[in-house]
Every structure is written in C-alpha cells, then in structure tokens.
Amino acid sequence: QVQLVESGGGLVQAGGSLRLSCLAGIASFANKELGWYRQVPGKQRELVASISSTDNAFYADFVKGLFTITRDNTKKAMYLHMSGLKAEDTAVYYCYLPAKYTGSTYWGQGTQVTVSP
C-alpha cells in the first residue's frame, strides 16, 4: 500500500516562500525516486522537480534557481522549498511515486498553493 500525503500549501504574496512536505508511507523509501508535479485547472499536470535515491535532483526550467527539492530518508519525507513565488506558480502541487516501482504512478491528494500578485 502506497500513501503519499502532502502539506504546506497556502496563500502567499508574490516574492514569498513556502515549503511543501510529502510524507511517504512506502517500503524502502530511501531507494526510491520521488517528485513533485503541479496542475492548474484546465491544464495538464506538469513536472516541477524530482529527486533520486542518491539525491540527484531534476528541475523544470521554470523553477530552476527558485525551488529546491530535498528528502529526509529517516522521516520518509520529501520537501519542495519554493522561493521567489510568482502568481503563475499558483497550482495544486502533487507528490508522486513513479510507476517503475509498482507498475502504477501514485499521487498524493495535492496541496493548494496560491500566490497573490
């Protein structure tokens, strides 16, 4: 059973910061790659960042230099540190576990981030 629970979203002014958390109830967390997607109503979900089991991070071009993805294997947690937020970062942010481990992609319930201009 895979459980992904996000938290940390909220309302922030443009230029502000937030830290999103994802608690992952999965076996062998330390050996797994995870990541964050985001979705705006009416648009496709898009990859924001991912982090490998060896802490290699990938970032979408639109967040490079502003967002940082980290993980804490002792807590089975992953984080997205967001700074310099813009109105266009407003979205629901989802934690995900790639399908390569179980045959299905798992998603959390999402956490809303709203950036006011």
N, C-alpha and C. Protein backbone atom coordinates (compact mmCIF):
# COMPACT_ATOMS: atom_id res chain seq x y z
N GLN A 1 0.85 -1.19 0.00
CA GLN A 1 0.00 0.00 0.00
C GLN A 1 0.89 1.24 0.00
N VAL A 2 0.63 2.13 -0.92
CA VAL A 2 1.40 3.36 -1.04
C VAL A 2 0.55 4.52 -0.57
N GLN A 3 1.10 5.31 0.33
CA GLN A 3 0.40 6.51 0.76
C GLN A 3 1.34 7.71 0.64
N LEU A 4 0.87 8.75 0.02
CA LEU A 4 1.62 9.99 -0.13
C LEU A 4 0.74 11.12 0.40
N VAL A 5 1.24 11.86 1.36
CA VAL A 5 0.44 12.91 1.99
C VAL A 5 1.21 14.23 1.93
N GLU A 6 0.65 15.18 1.19
CA GLU A 6 1.29 16.49 1.06
C GLU A 6 0.74 17.45 2.12
N SER A 7 1.56 18.43 2.44
CA SER A 7 1.13 19.52 3.31
C SER A 7 2.01 20.73 3.03
N GLY A 8 1.61 21.86 3.58
CA GLY A 8 2.45 23.05 3.48
C GLY A 8 1.98 24.09 2.49
N GLY A 9 0.94 23.78 1.73
CA GLY A 9 0.43 24.77 0.80
C GLY A 9 -0.26 25.91 1.54
N GLY A 10 -0.61 26.92 0.79
CA GLY A 10 -1.30 28.05 1.39
C GLY A 10 -1.29 29.26 0.48
N LEU A 11 -1.62 30.38 1.07
CA LEU A 11 -1.67 31.65 0.35
C LEU A 11 -0.43 32.46 0.71
N VAL A 12 0.26 32.94 -0.31
CA VAL A 12 1.47 33.71 -0.08
C VAL A 12 1.52 34.84 -1.10
N GLN A 13 2.16 35.92 -0.71
CA GLN A 13 2.30 37.03 -1.65
C GLN A 13 3.43 36.76 -2.64
N ALA A 14 3.34 37.37 -3.78
CA ALA A 14 4.39 37.24 -4.79
C ALA A 14 5.73 37.62 -4.18
N GLY A 15 6.73 36.82 -4.49
CA GLY A 15 8.05 37.01 -3.94
C GLY A 15 8.30 36.24 -2.66
N GLY A 16 7.24 35.67 -2.11
CA GLY A 16 7.35 34.93 -0.86
C GLY A 16 7.83 33.51 -1.04
N SER A 17 7.84 32.79 0.07
CA SER A 17 8.35 31.42 0.09
C SER A 17 7.38 30.49 0.79
N LEU A 18 7.45 29.23 0.40
CA LEU A 18 6.71 28.17 1.07
C LEU A 18 7.55 26.91 1.03
N ARG A 19 7.30 26.03 1.97
CA ARG A 19 7.90 24.71 1.93
C ARG A 19 6.80 23.67 1.93
N LEU A 20 6.77 22.87 0.90
CA LEU A 20 5.83 21.77 0.82
C LEU A 20 6.49 20.50 1.36
N SER A 21 5.68 19.68 2.00
CA SER A 21 6.17 18.41 2.53
C SER A 21 5.36 17.27 1.95
N CYS A 22 6.01 16.16 1.78
CA CYS A 22 5.34 14.93 1.36
C CYS A 22 5.82 13.81 2.27
N LEU A 23 4.89 13.26 3.02
CA LEU A 23 5.21 12.10 3.86
C LEU A 23 4.80 10.85 3.08
N ALA A 24 5.73 9.94 2.93
CA ALA A 24 5.50 8.79 2.07
C ALA A 24 5.45 7.51 2.88
N GLY A 25 4.31 6.87 2.88
CA GLY A 25 4.17 5.57 3.52
C GLY A 25 4.46 4.50 2.49
N ILE A 26 5.75 4.29 2.21
CA ILE A 26 6.15 3.30 1.22
C ILE A 26 7.34 2.53 1.73
N ALA A 27 7.46 1.32 1.26
CA ALA A 27 8.59 0.49 1.66
C ALA A 27 9.85 0.96 0.95
N SER A 28 10.96 0.78 1.61
CA SER A 28 12.28 1.11 1.03
C SER A 28 12.30 2.52 0.47
N PHE A 29 11.83 3.46 1.25
CA PHE A 29 11.75 4.85 0.81
C PHE A 29 13.10 5.34 0.30
N ALA A 30 14.16 5.03 1.00
CA ALA A 30 15.47 5.56 0.66
C ALA A 30 15.93 5.14 -0.74
N ASN A 31 15.39 4.06 -1.25
CA ASN A 31 15.81 3.54 -2.55
C ASN A 31 14.95 4.06 -3.71
N LYS A 32 14.02 4.93 -3.42
CA LYS A 32 13.05 5.34 -4.41
C LYS A 32 13.25 6.79 -4.84
N GLU A 33 13.01 7.01 -6.12
CA GLU A 33 12.92 8.35 -6.67
C GLU A 33 11.50 8.86 -6.45
N LEU A 34 11.36 10.12 -6.09
CA LEU A 34 10.05 10.75 -5.97
C LEU A 34 10.12 12.14 -6.58
N GLY A 35 8.98 12.78 -6.64
CA GLY A 35 9.00 14.12 -7.21
C GLY A 35 7.71 14.87 -6.98
N TRP A 36 7.67 16.06 -7.56
CA TRP A 36 6.52 16.95 -7.46
C TRP A 36 6.03 17.33 -8.86
N TYR A 37 4.73 17.27 -9.02
CA TYR A 37 4.06 17.82 -10.19
C TYR A 37 3.15 18.94 -9.70
N ARG A 38 2.67 19.74 -10.63
CA ARG A 38 1.65 20.72 -10.30
C ARG A 38 0.63 20.79 -11.42
N GLN A 39 -0.55 21.25 -11.05
CA GLN A 39 -1.62 21.33 -12.04
C GLN A 39 -2.49 22.56 -11.78
N VAL A 40 -2.75 23.26 -12.87
CA VAL A 40 -3.68 24.38 -12.87
C VAL A 40 -4.96 23.90 -13.54
N PRO A 41 -6.12 24.28 -13.04
CA PRO A 41 -7.38 23.85 -13.67
C PRO A 41 -7.37 24.13 -15.16
N GLY A 42 -7.76 23.10 -15.92
CA GLY A 42 -7.83 23.25 -17.37
C GLY A 42 -6.54 22.99 -18.09
N LYS A 43 -5.48 22.72 -17.33
CA LYS A 43 -4.18 22.43 -17.94
C LYS A 43 -3.68 21.07 -17.51
N GLN A 44 -2.73 20.57 -18.28
CA GLN A 44 -2.13 19.27 -17.93
C GLN A 44 -1.23 19.40 -16.71
N ARG A 45 -1.13 18.31 -15.98
CA ARG A 45 -0.20 18.27 -14.87
C ARG A 45 1.22 18.36 -15.43
N GLU A 46 2.08 19.14 -14.77
CA GLU A 46 3.44 19.30 -15.25
C GLU A 46 4.46 19.00 -14.16
N LEU A 47 5.56 18.42 -14.58
CA LEU A 47 6.62 18.06 -13.64
C LEU A 47 7.32 19.33 -13.15
N VAL A 48 7.51 19.40 -11.85
CA VAL A 48 8.21 20.53 -11.24
C VAL A 48 9.65 20.14 -10.90
N ALA A 49 9.79 19.03 -10.18
CA ALA A 49 11.11 18.59 -9.76
C ALA A 49 11.04 17.14 -9.33
N SER A 50 12.18 16.47 -9.38
CA SER A 50 12.26 15.11 -8.87
C SER A 50 13.61 14.92 -8.20
N ILE A 51 13.67 13.89 -7.35
CA ILE A 51 14.90 13.62 -6.64
C ILE A 51 15.12 12.12 -6.61
N SER A 52 16.33 11.71 -6.93
CA SER A 52 16.64 10.28 -6.98
C SER A 52 17.02 9.78 -5.60
N SER A 53 17.23 8.48 -5.53
CA SER A 53 17.64 7.86 -4.27
C SER A 53 19.04 8.30 -3.85
N THR A 54 19.81 8.82 -4.81
CA THR A 54 21.15 9.32 -4.49
C THR A 54 21.19 10.84 -4.45
N ASP A 55 20.01 11.44 -4.29
CA ASP A 55 19.88 12.90 -4.13
C ASP A 55 20.18 13.70 -5.39
N ASN A 56 20.18 13.04 -6.53
CA ASN A 56 20.29 13.81 -7.77
C ASN A 56 18.94 14.46 -8.05
N ALA A 57 18.96 15.74 -8.28
CA ALA A 57 17.72 16.49 -8.47
C ALA A 57 17.56 16.92 -9.92
N PHE A 58 16.33 16.89 -10.36
CA PHE A 58 15.97 17.42 -11.66
C PHE A 58 14.96 18.53 -11.43
N TYR A 59 15.09 19.62 -12.19
CA TYR A 59 14.17 20.73 -12.08
C TYR A 59 13.64 21.13 -13.46
N ALA A 60 12.37 21.44 -13.50
CA ALA A 60 11.83 22.05 -14.71
C ALA A 60 12.47 23.42 -14.88
N ASP A 61 12.61 23.83 -16.11
CA ASP A 61 13.28 25.11 -16.39
C ASP A 61 12.62 26.27 -15.67
N PHE A 62 11.31 26.22 -15.51
CA PHE A 62 10.59 27.37 -14.95
C PHE A 62 10.79 27.52 -13.44
N VAL A 63 11.46 26.57 -12.78
CA VAL A 63 11.70 26.70 -11.34
C VAL A 63 13.18 26.67 -10.98
N LYS A 64 14.03 26.52 -11.96
CA LYS A 64 15.46 26.45 -11.67
C LYS A 64 15.94 27.71 -10.97
N GLY A 65 16.68 27.50 -9.89
CA GLY A 65 17.21 28.62 -9.14
C GLY A 65 16.24 29.18 -8.11
N LEU A 66 15.00 28.74 -8.16
CA LEU A 66 13.99 29.25 -7.23
C LEU A 66 13.48 28.18 -6.28
N PHE A 67 13.31 26.97 -6.79
CA PHE A 67 12.80 25.86 -6.00
C PHE A 67 13.93 24.88 -5.72
N THR A 68 13.86 24.24 -4.55
CA THR A 68 14.83 23.21 -4.19
C THR A 68 14.09 22.00 -3.65
N ILE A 69 14.44 20.84 -4.18
CA ILE A 69 13.83 19.60 -3.70
C ILE A 69 14.83 18.88 -2.81
N THR A 70 14.34 18.40 -1.68
CA THR A 70 15.19 17.67 -0.74
C THR A 70 14.41 16.48 -0.20
N ARG A 71 15.13 15.61 0.48
CA ARG A 71 14.47 14.46 1.10
C ARG A 71 15.15 14.16 2.42
N ASP A 72 14.38 13.53 3.30
CA ASP A 72 14.89 13.07 4.60
C ASP A 72 14.46 11.62 4.73
N ASN A 73 15.39 10.72 4.47
CA ASN A 73 15.05 9.30 4.47
C ASN A 73 14.66 8.79 5.85
N THR A 74 15.18 9.43 6.89
CA THR A 74 14.85 8.98 8.25
C THR A 74 13.38 9.25 8.57
N LYS A 75 12.82 10.24 7.92
CA LYS A 75 11.41 10.59 8.16
C LYS A 75 10.51 10.13 7.02
N LYS A 76 11.09 9.51 6.01
CA LYS A 76 10.33 9.15 4.80
C LYS A 76 9.60 10.38 4.27
N ALA A 77 10.34 11.45 4.15
CA ALA A 77 9.75 12.71 3.74
C ALA A 77 10.52 13.33 2.59
N MET A 78 9.79 14.06 1.77
CA MET A 78 10.36 14.83 0.68
C MET A 78 9.82 16.24 0.79
N TYR A 79 10.63 17.20 0.38
CA TYR A 79 10.25 18.59 0.54
C TYR A 79 10.46 19.36 -0.76
N LEU A 80 9.68 20.39 -0.92
CA LEU A 80 9.89 21.32 -2.02
C LEU A 80 9.96 22.72 -1.41
N HIS A 81 11.15 23.30 -1.45
CA HIS A 81 11.36 24.62 -0.90
C HIS A 81 11.18 25.60 -2.07
N MET A 82 10.17 26.43 -1.95
CA MET A 82 9.84 27.35 -3.04
C MET A 82 10.10 28.78 -2.61
N SER A 83 10.85 29.49 -3.41
CA SER A 83 11.12 30.89 -3.13
C SER A 83 10.86 31.70 -4.38
N GLY A 84 10.79 33.01 -4.20
CA GLY A 84 10.53 33.87 -5.35
C GLY A 84 9.24 33.53 -6.07
N LEU A 85 8.23 33.20 -5.29
CA LEU A 85 6.98 32.72 -5.90
C LEU A 85 6.32 33.81 -6.72
N LYS A 86 5.70 33.35 -7.81
CA LYS A 86 5.02 34.23 -8.74
C LYS A 86 3.56 33.79 -8.85
N ALA A 87 2.74 34.68 -9.34
CA ALA A 87 1.33 34.34 -9.49
C ALA A 87 1.15 33.09 -10.36
N GLU A 88 2.00 32.93 -11.35
CA GLU A 88 1.89 31.76 -12.24
C GLU A 88 2.30 30.45 -11.58
N ASP A 89 2.82 30.52 -10.35
CA ASP A 89 3.10 29.30 -9.60
C ASP A 89 1.87 28.78 -8.88
N THR A 90 0.80 29.53 -8.93
CA THR A 90 -0.46 29.10 -8.31
C THR A 90 -0.93 27.82 -8.97
N ALA A 91 -1.12 26.78 -8.16
CA ALA A 91 -1.49 25.47 -8.67
C ALA A 91 -1.72 24.53 -7.50
N VAL A 92 -2.23 23.37 -7.80
CA VAL A 92 -2.23 22.28 -6.83
C VAL A 92 -0.95 21.48 -7.06
N TYR A 93 -0.21 21.27 -6.02
CA TYR A 93 1.07 20.56 -6.09
C TYR A 93 0.88 19.14 -5.57
N TYR A 94 1.36 18.20 -6.37
CA TYR A 94 1.21 16.79 -6.05
C TYR A 94 2.56 16.11 -5.88
N CYS A 95 2.65 15.31 -4.85
CA CYS A 95 3.78 14.43 -4.66
C CYS A 95 3.50 13.16 -5.48
N TYR A 96 4.53 12.58 -6.08
CA TYR A 96 4.28 11.36 -6.84
C TYR A 96 5.42 10.36 -6.69
N LEU A 97 5.04 9.09 -6.88
CA LEU A 97 5.99 7.98 -6.92
C LEU A 97 5.89 7.38 -8.32
N PRO A 98 6.99 7.34 -9.06
CA PRO A 98 6.94 6.85 -10.44
C PRO A 98 6.45 5.43 -10.56
N ALA A 99 5.91 5.10 -11.73
CA ALA A 99 5.33 3.79 -11.96
C ALA A 99 6.35 2.67 -12.02
N LYS A 100 7.61 3.00 -12.17
CA LYS A 100 8.61 1.94 -12.37
C LYS A 100 8.76 1.01 -11.17
N TYR A 101 8.24 1.41 -10.01
CA TYR A 101 8.41 0.56 -8.83
C TYR A 101 7.28 -0.43 -8.64
N THR A 102 6.08 -0.03 -9.01
CA THR A 102 4.90 -0.87 -8.75
C THR A 102 4.05 -1.12 -9.99
N GLY A 103 4.38 -0.47 -11.09
CA GLY A 103 3.56 -0.58 -12.29
C GLY A 103 2.52 0.51 -12.40
N SER A 104 2.32 1.25 -11.34
CA SER A 104 1.37 2.37 -11.36
C SER A 104 2.03 3.59 -10.74
N THR A 105 1.68 4.76 -11.26
CA THR A 105 2.12 6.01 -10.65
C THR A 105 1.19 6.33 -9.48
N TYR A 106 1.77 6.66 -8.36
CA TYR A 106 0.97 7.03 -7.21
C TYR A 106 1.07 8.54 -6.98
N TRP A 107 -0.05 9.09 -6.58
CA TRP A 107 -0.16 10.53 -6.33
C TRP A 107 -0.69 10.78 -4.94
N GLY A 108 -0.25 11.88 -4.36
CA GLY A 108 -0.89 12.31 -3.14
C GLY A 108 -2.18 13.03 -3.49
N GLN A 109 -2.82 13.57 -2.45
CA GLN A 109 -4.10 14.24 -2.67
C GLN A 109 -3.91 15.66 -3.16
N GLY A 110 -2.70 16.17 -3.07
CA GLY A 110 -2.41 17.51 -3.55
C GLY A 110 -2.52 18.56 -2.46
N THR A 111 -1.78 19.63 -2.61
CA THR A 111 -1.85 20.77 -1.70
C THR A 111 -1.88 22.05 -2.53
N GLN A 112 -2.81 22.92 -2.20
CA GLN A 112 -3.03 24.12 -3.00
C GLN A 112 -2.02 25.20 -2.61
N VAL A 113 -1.39 25.76 -3.62
CA VAL A 113 -0.51 26.91 -3.43
C VAL A 113 -1.12 28.06 -4.23
N THR A 114 -1.36 29.15 -3.54
CA THR A 114 -1.93 30.33 -4.18
C THR A 114 -1.00 31.51 -3.94
N VAL A 115 -0.56 32.13 -5.01
CA VAL A 115 0.34 33.27 -4.92
C VAL A 115 -0.42 34.51 -5.38
N SER A 116 -0.55 35.46 -4.49
CA SER A 116 -1.27 36.68 -4.83
C SER A 116 -0.30 37.69 -5.45
N PRO A 117 -0.75 38.42 -6.45
CA PRO A 117 0.14 39.35 -7.16
C PRO A 117 0.65 40.46 -6.25
